Amino acid sequence: MNRNSVLAIAAAVTLLGSAGSSAAERPPLDGAKLFTHHGCENCHGAQGKNPKSKYVPKLGGKPADKLLDTATKILAGEDLTDESMLMHSAIAYSQSCDSPPNDDELRAITTWLSAQ
């Protein structure tokens, strides 16, 4: 996949994202609710098991520590694969996301995903 494809897909993800809400309206640290709130479901599918594209990985059932490490690197812009840049762009530049998950939220999401 070339960089133009990644940017085009990121733009589509941004347009398809769910409506965001203010940080004050964020759900408590419940991984399932946070997964939906932050729009993760839009690309990774229900329970992180039904990706909407072959470029989006399945997340459900993978080890929480690996998911957390990878997601943290992607959100920080430290993982530079085309697929990782797609996720980073979708979160960082999406008008449908009030802000990326914070560390505690990301931990709750990855813990929940690992149990799926």
N, C-alpha and C. Protein backbone atom coordinates (compact mmCIF):
# COMPACT_ATOMS: atom_id res chain seq x y z
N MET A 1 0.86 -1.16 0.00
CA MET A 1 0.00 0.00 0.00
C MET A 1 0.90 1.22 0.00
N ASN A 2 0.61 2.18 -0.88
CA ASN A 2 1.44 3.38 -0.92
C ASN A 2 0.85 4.47 -0.02
N ARG A 3 1.64 5.52 0.19
CA ARG A 3 1.26 6.59 1.11
C ARG A 3 -0.05 7.26 0.69
N ASN A 4 -0.29 7.43 -0.61
CA ASN A 4 -1.54 8.04 -1.08
C ASN A 4 -2.75 7.19 -0.72
N SER A 5 -2.58 5.86 -0.81
CA SER A 5 -3.66 4.97 -0.42
C SER A 5 -3.97 5.09 1.06
N VAL A 6 -2.91 5.16 1.86
CA VAL A 6 -3.09 5.31 3.31
C VAL A 6 -3.84 6.59 3.62
N LEU A 7 -3.44 7.69 2.98
CA LEU A 7 -4.11 8.97 3.24
C LEU A 7 -5.56 8.96 2.78
N ALA A 8 -5.83 8.31 1.65
CA ALA A 8 -7.21 8.23 1.16
C ALA A 8 -8.08 7.41 2.12
N ILE A 9 -7.53 6.30 2.59
CA ILE A 9 -8.28 5.47 3.53
C ILE A 9 -8.49 6.22 4.84
N ALA A 10 -7.47 6.95 5.31
CA ALA A 10 -7.61 7.72 6.54
C ALA A 10 -8.70 8.77 6.40
N ALA A 11 -8.77 9.41 5.24
CA ALA A 11 -9.81 10.41 5.01
C ALA A 11 -11.19 9.76 5.05
N ALA A 12 -11.31 8.58 4.45
CA ALA A 12 -12.59 7.86 4.47
C ALA A 12 -12.97 7.47 5.89
N VAL A 13 -12.01 7.01 6.66
CA VAL A 13 -12.27 6.63 8.05
C VAL A 13 -12.78 7.83 8.83
N THR A 14 -12.16 8.97 8.60
CA THR A 14 -12.56 10.20 9.28
C THR A 14 -14.01 10.53 8.97
N LEU A 15 -14.39 10.41 7.71
CA LEU A 15 -15.75 10.73 7.31
C LEU A 15 -16.76 9.71 7.84
N LEU A 16 -16.34 8.46 8.00
CA LEU A 16 -17.25 7.41 8.45
C LEU A 16 -17.32 7.29 9.96
N GLY A 17 -16.46 7.99 10.67
CA GLY A 17 -16.39 7.86 12.12
C GLY A 17 -17.69 8.23 12.80
N SER A 18 -17.86 7.72 14.01
CA SER A 18 -19.06 8.05 14.78
C SER A 18 -18.95 9.44 15.35
N ALA A 19 -20.07 10.04 15.68
CA ALA A 19 -20.07 11.38 16.24
C ALA A 19 -19.37 11.38 17.59
N GLY A 20 -18.46 12.31 17.76
CA GLY A 20 -17.72 12.40 19.02
C GLY A 20 -18.52 13.14 20.07
N SER A 21 -18.03 13.08 21.28
CA SER A 21 -18.66 13.81 22.37
C SER A 21 -17.56 14.43 23.20
N SER A 22 -17.91 15.33 24.06
CA SER A 22 -16.89 16.01 24.85
C SER A 22 -16.25 15.07 25.84
N ALA A 23 -15.06 15.42 26.30
CA ALA A 23 -14.33 14.58 27.26
C ALA A 23 -15.15 14.38 28.53
N ALA A 24 -15.97 15.35 28.90
CA ALA A 24 -16.79 15.23 30.10
C ALA A 24 -17.82 14.11 29.96
N GLU A 25 -18.18 13.76 28.72
CA GLU A 25 -19.18 12.73 28.48
C GLU A 25 -18.57 11.35 28.28
N ARG A 26 -17.28 11.21 28.45
CA ARG A 26 -16.64 9.91 28.26
C ARG A 26 -17.19 8.91 29.25
N PRO A 27 -17.35 7.67 28.79
CA PRO A 27 -17.84 6.64 29.71
C PRO A 27 -16.77 6.30 30.75
N PRO A 28 -17.19 5.72 31.87
CA PRO A 28 -16.19 5.29 32.86
C PRO A 28 -15.28 4.24 32.24
N LEU A 29 -14.26 3.82 32.96
CA LEU A 29 -13.27 2.90 32.41
C LEU A 29 -13.83 1.50 32.16
N ASP A 30 -14.68 1.41 31.18
CA ASP A 30 -15.26 0.15 30.73
C ASP A 30 -14.74 -0.04 29.31
N GLY A 31 -13.91 -1.06 29.11
CA GLY A 31 -13.26 -1.26 27.82
C GLY A 31 -14.21 -1.34 26.65
N ALA A 32 -15.33 -2.04 26.81
CA ALA A 32 -16.29 -2.20 25.71
C ALA A 32 -16.89 -0.85 25.32
N LYS A 33 -17.29 -0.07 26.32
CA LYS A 33 -17.89 1.24 26.03
C LYS A 33 -16.86 2.20 25.44
N LEU A 34 -15.64 2.16 25.95
CA LEU A 34 -14.59 3.03 25.43
C LEU A 34 -14.22 2.65 23.99
N PHE A 35 -14.23 1.36 23.68
CA PHE A 35 -13.95 0.88 22.33
C PHE A 35 -14.94 1.49 21.34
N THR A 36 -16.20 1.54 21.74
CA THR A 36 -17.23 2.14 20.90
C THR A 36 -17.11 3.66 20.91
N HIS A 37 -16.93 4.26 22.08
CA HIS A 37 -16.86 5.71 22.23
C HIS A 37 -15.77 6.32 21.35
N HIS A 38 -14.61 5.70 21.32
CA HIS A 38 -13.49 6.25 20.57
C HIS A 38 -13.51 5.85 19.10
N GLY A 39 -14.55 5.15 18.67
CA GLY A 39 -14.71 4.83 17.26
C GLY A 39 -13.89 3.65 16.79
N CYS A 40 -13.28 2.89 17.69
CA CYS A 40 -12.45 1.74 17.32
C CYS A 40 -13.26 0.71 16.53
N GLU A 41 -14.53 0.58 16.92
CA GLU A 41 -15.45 -0.36 16.29
C GLU A 41 -15.65 -0.04 14.81
N ASN A 42 -15.52 1.23 14.44
CA ASN A 42 -15.73 1.64 13.05
C ASN A 42 -14.79 0.95 12.09
N CYS A 43 -13.57 0.65 12.53
CA CYS A 43 -12.59 0.00 11.66
C CYS A 43 -12.34 -1.45 12.05
N HIS A 44 -12.25 -1.72 13.35
CA HIS A 44 -11.89 -3.06 13.82
C HIS A 44 -13.10 -3.97 13.97
N GLY A 45 -14.31 -3.43 13.89
CA GLY A 45 -15.52 -4.23 13.98
C GLY A 45 -15.87 -4.60 15.41
N ALA A 46 -17.01 -5.25 15.55
CA ALA A 46 -17.51 -5.66 16.86
C ALA A 46 -16.48 -6.53 17.57
N GLN A 47 -16.22 -6.22 18.82
CA GLN A 47 -15.28 -6.94 19.67
C GLN A 47 -13.88 -7.04 19.08
N GLY A 48 -13.58 -6.15 18.12
CA GLY A 48 -12.26 -6.14 17.51
C GLY A 48 -11.98 -7.35 16.65
N LYS A 49 -13.04 -8.04 16.22
CA LYS A 49 -12.87 -9.30 15.50
C LYS A 49 -13.31 -9.25 14.04
N ASN A 50 -13.87 -8.14 13.60
CA ASN A 50 -14.41 -8.05 12.24
C ASN A 50 -13.93 -6.79 11.53
N PRO A 51 -12.63 -6.73 11.19
CA PRO A 51 -12.09 -5.53 10.54
C PRO A 51 -12.85 -5.19 9.26
N LYS A 52 -12.96 -3.90 9.00
CA LYS A 52 -13.69 -3.42 7.83
C LYS A 52 -12.82 -3.41 6.58
N SER A 53 -11.52 -3.68 6.73
CA SER A 53 -10.58 -3.67 5.61
C SER A 53 -9.48 -4.69 5.88
N LYS A 54 -8.87 -5.18 4.82
CA LYS A 54 -7.77 -6.12 4.99
C LYS A 54 -6.54 -5.45 5.59
N TYR A 55 -6.53 -4.13 5.64
CA TYR A 55 -5.41 -3.39 6.21
C TYR A 55 -5.57 -3.13 7.70
N VAL A 56 -6.73 -3.50 8.22
CA VAL A 56 -7.03 -3.29 9.64
C VAL A 56 -6.94 -4.64 10.35
N PRO A 57 -6.14 -4.74 11.40
CA PRO A 57 -5.97 -6.04 12.05
C PRO A 57 -7.12 -6.42 12.98
N LYS A 58 -7.27 -7.73 13.18
CA LYS A 58 -8.15 -8.24 14.22
C LYS A 58 -7.45 -8.01 15.55
N LEU A 59 -8.18 -7.56 16.54
CA LEU A 59 -7.59 -7.27 17.85
C LEU A 59 -8.12 -8.18 18.94
N GLY A 60 -9.36 -8.61 18.83
CA GLY A 60 -9.98 -9.43 19.86
C GLY A 60 -9.22 -10.71 20.12
N GLY A 61 -8.94 -10.99 21.39
CA GLY A 61 -8.28 -12.21 21.79
C GLY A 61 -6.77 -12.15 21.83
N LYS A 62 -6.19 -11.05 21.39
CA LYS A 62 -4.73 -10.91 21.43
C LYS A 62 -4.30 -10.49 22.84
N PRO A 63 -3.04 -10.76 23.20
CA PRO A 63 -2.57 -10.41 24.54
C PRO A 63 -2.65 -8.90 24.82
N ALA A 64 -3.19 -8.55 25.98
CA ALA A 64 -3.41 -7.15 26.36
C ALA A 64 -2.11 -6.35 26.34
N ASP A 65 -1.02 -6.93 26.84
CA ASP A 65 0.24 -6.17 26.90
C ASP A 65 0.76 -5.85 25.50
N LYS A 66 0.60 -6.78 24.56
CA LYS A 66 1.02 -6.52 23.18
C LYS A 66 0.13 -5.46 22.54
N LEU A 67 -1.18 -5.56 22.74
CA LEU A 67 -2.11 -4.57 22.20
C LEU A 67 -1.80 -3.18 22.75
N LEU A 68 -1.56 -3.10 24.06
CA LEU A 68 -1.28 -1.82 24.70
C LEU A 68 0.01 -1.21 24.16
N ASP A 69 1.05 -2.01 24.04
CA ASP A 69 2.33 -1.52 23.54
C ASP A 69 2.19 -1.01 22.10
N THR A 70 1.54 -1.79 21.26
CA THR A 70 1.37 -1.40 19.86
C THR A 70 0.51 -0.15 19.74
N ALA A 71 -0.62 -0.11 20.43
CA ALA A 71 -1.51 1.06 20.35
C ALA A 71 -0.83 2.31 20.86
N THR A 72 -0.06 2.18 21.93
CA THR A 72 0.65 3.34 22.48
C THR A 72 1.64 3.90 21.47
N LYS A 73 2.38 3.02 20.81
CA LYS A 73 3.34 3.46 19.79
C LYS A 73 2.64 4.10 18.60
N ILE A 74 1.53 3.51 18.18
CA ILE A 74 0.80 4.06 17.04
C ILE A 74 0.26 5.45 17.36
N LEU A 75 -0.37 5.60 18.52
CA LEU A 75 -0.95 6.89 18.88
C LEU A 75 0.11 7.96 19.07
N ALA A 76 1.32 7.55 19.45
CA ALA A 76 2.43 8.50 19.62
C ALA A 76 3.12 8.80 18.29
N GLY A 77 2.71 8.12 17.22
CA GLY A 77 3.31 8.32 15.92
C GLY A 77 4.68 7.66 15.79
N GLU A 78 4.95 6.67 16.64
CA GLU A 78 6.26 6.01 16.65
C GLU A 78 6.31 4.76 15.79
N ASP A 79 5.18 4.25 15.36
CA ASP A 79 5.13 3.07 14.51
C ASP A 79 4.81 3.57 13.10
N LEU A 80 5.71 3.36 12.17
CA LEU A 80 5.58 4.00 10.87
C LEU A 80 5.18 3.06 9.73
N THR A 81 4.55 1.93 10.05
CA THR A 81 4.04 1.10 8.97
C THR A 81 2.83 1.81 8.35
N ASP A 82 2.50 1.46 7.11
CA ASP A 82 1.35 2.09 6.45
C ASP A 82 0.08 1.88 7.26
N GLU A 83 -0.10 0.66 7.78
CA GLU A 83 -1.31 0.36 8.54
C GLU A 83 -1.36 1.18 9.83
N SER A 84 -0.21 1.33 10.49
CA SER A 84 -0.16 2.11 11.73
C SER A 84 -0.40 3.59 11.47
N MET A 85 0.13 4.09 10.36
CA MET A 85 -0.09 5.49 10.01
C MET A 85 -1.56 5.74 9.72
N LEU A 86 -2.25 4.73 9.19
CA LEU A 86 -3.69 4.84 8.94
C LEU A 86 -4.43 5.06 10.24
N MET A 87 -4.12 4.24 11.26
CA MET A 87 -4.79 4.39 12.55
C MET A 87 -4.44 5.72 13.19
N HIS A 88 -3.17 6.08 13.16
CA HIS A 88 -2.73 7.35 13.76
C HIS A 88 -3.48 8.52 13.12
N SER A 89 -3.58 8.51 11.80
CA SER A 89 -4.30 9.58 11.09
C SER A 89 -5.78 9.60 11.43
N ALA A 90 -6.37 8.42 11.50
CA ALA A 90 -7.80 8.33 11.80
C ALA A 90 -8.11 8.92 13.17
N ILE A 91 -7.25 8.69 14.14
CA ILE A 91 -7.46 9.19 15.50
C ILE A 91 -7.02 10.65 15.62
N ALA A 92 -5.83 10.95 15.16
CA ALA A 92 -5.25 12.27 15.37
C ALA A 92 -5.96 13.38 14.62
N TYR A 93 -6.51 13.05 13.44
CA TYR A 93 -7.09 14.11 12.61
C TYR A 93 -8.59 13.98 12.41
N SER A 94 -9.21 13.06 13.10
CA SER A 94 -10.63 12.83 12.92
C SER A 94 -11.45 13.88 13.64
N GLN A 95 -12.39 14.45 12.92
CA GLN A 95 -13.31 15.41 13.54
C GLN A 95 -14.36 14.68 14.37
N SER A 96 -14.45 13.37 14.21
CA SER A 96 -15.46 12.62 14.94
C SER A 96 -14.95 12.12 16.29
N CYS A 97 -13.71 12.37 16.60
CA CYS A 97 -13.13 11.90 17.85
C CYS A 97 -12.69 13.12 18.67
N ASP A 98 -13.23 13.26 19.88
CA ASP A 98 -12.89 14.44 20.68
C ASP A 98 -11.42 14.42 21.08
N SER A 99 -10.88 13.25 21.32
CA SER A 99 -9.46 13.09 21.61
C SER A 99 -9.17 11.60 21.67
N PRO A 100 -7.91 11.24 21.44
CA PRO A 100 -7.56 9.81 21.53
C PRO A 100 -7.75 9.32 22.96
N PRO A 101 -7.81 8.02 23.14
CA PRO A 101 -7.93 7.49 24.51
C PRO A 101 -6.70 7.85 25.33
N ASN A 102 -6.91 8.17 26.60
CA ASN A 102 -5.76 8.43 27.47
C ASN A 102 -5.18 7.09 27.91
N ASP A 103 -4.11 7.11 28.69
CA ASP A 103 -3.42 5.87 29.08
C ASP A 103 -4.34 4.90 29.81
N ASP A 104 -5.13 5.40 30.75
CA ASP A 104 -6.03 4.53 31.51
C ASP A 104 -7.13 3.93 30.62
N GLU A 105 -7.65 4.75 29.71
CA GLU A 105 -8.68 4.27 28.79
C GLU A 105 -8.10 3.23 27.84
N LEU A 106 -6.91 3.48 27.35
CA LEU A 106 -6.27 2.54 26.45
C LEU A 106 -6.01 1.21 27.15
N ARG A 107 -5.61 1.27 28.39
CA ARG A 107 -5.39 0.05 29.18
C ARG A 107 -6.71 -0.72 29.35
N ALA A 108 -7.79 0.00 29.62
CA ALA A 108 -9.10 -0.65 29.77
C ALA A 108 -9.56 -1.27 28.46
N ILE A 109 -9.34 -0.58 27.36
CA ILE A 109 -9.74 -1.10 26.04
C ILE A 109 -8.95 -2.36 25.71
N THR A 110 -7.63 -2.32 25.88
CA THR A 110 -6.81 -3.47 25.51
C THR A 110 -7.06 -4.66 26.43
N THR A 111 -7.34 -4.40 27.69
CA THR A 111 -7.68 -5.49 28.60
C THR A 111 -8.97 -6.16 28.17
N TRP A 112 -9.96 -5.36 27.83
CA TRP A 112 -11.24 -5.89 27.36
C TRP A 112 -11.05 -6.66 26.05
N LEU A 113 -10.30 -6.08 25.11
CA LEU A 113 -10.09 -6.75 23.83
C LEU A 113 -9.44 -8.13 24.00
N SER A 114 -8.50 -8.22 24.91
CA SER A 114 -7.80 -9.50 25.09
C SER A 114 -8.74 -10.61 25.56
N ALA A 115 -9.83 -10.24 26.19
CA ALA A 115 -10.80 -11.23 26.70
C ALA A 115 -11.86 -11.60 25.65
N GLN A 116 -11.80 -11.00 24.49
CA GLN A 116 -12.82 -11.26 23.46
C GLN A 116 -12.49 -12.51 22.65
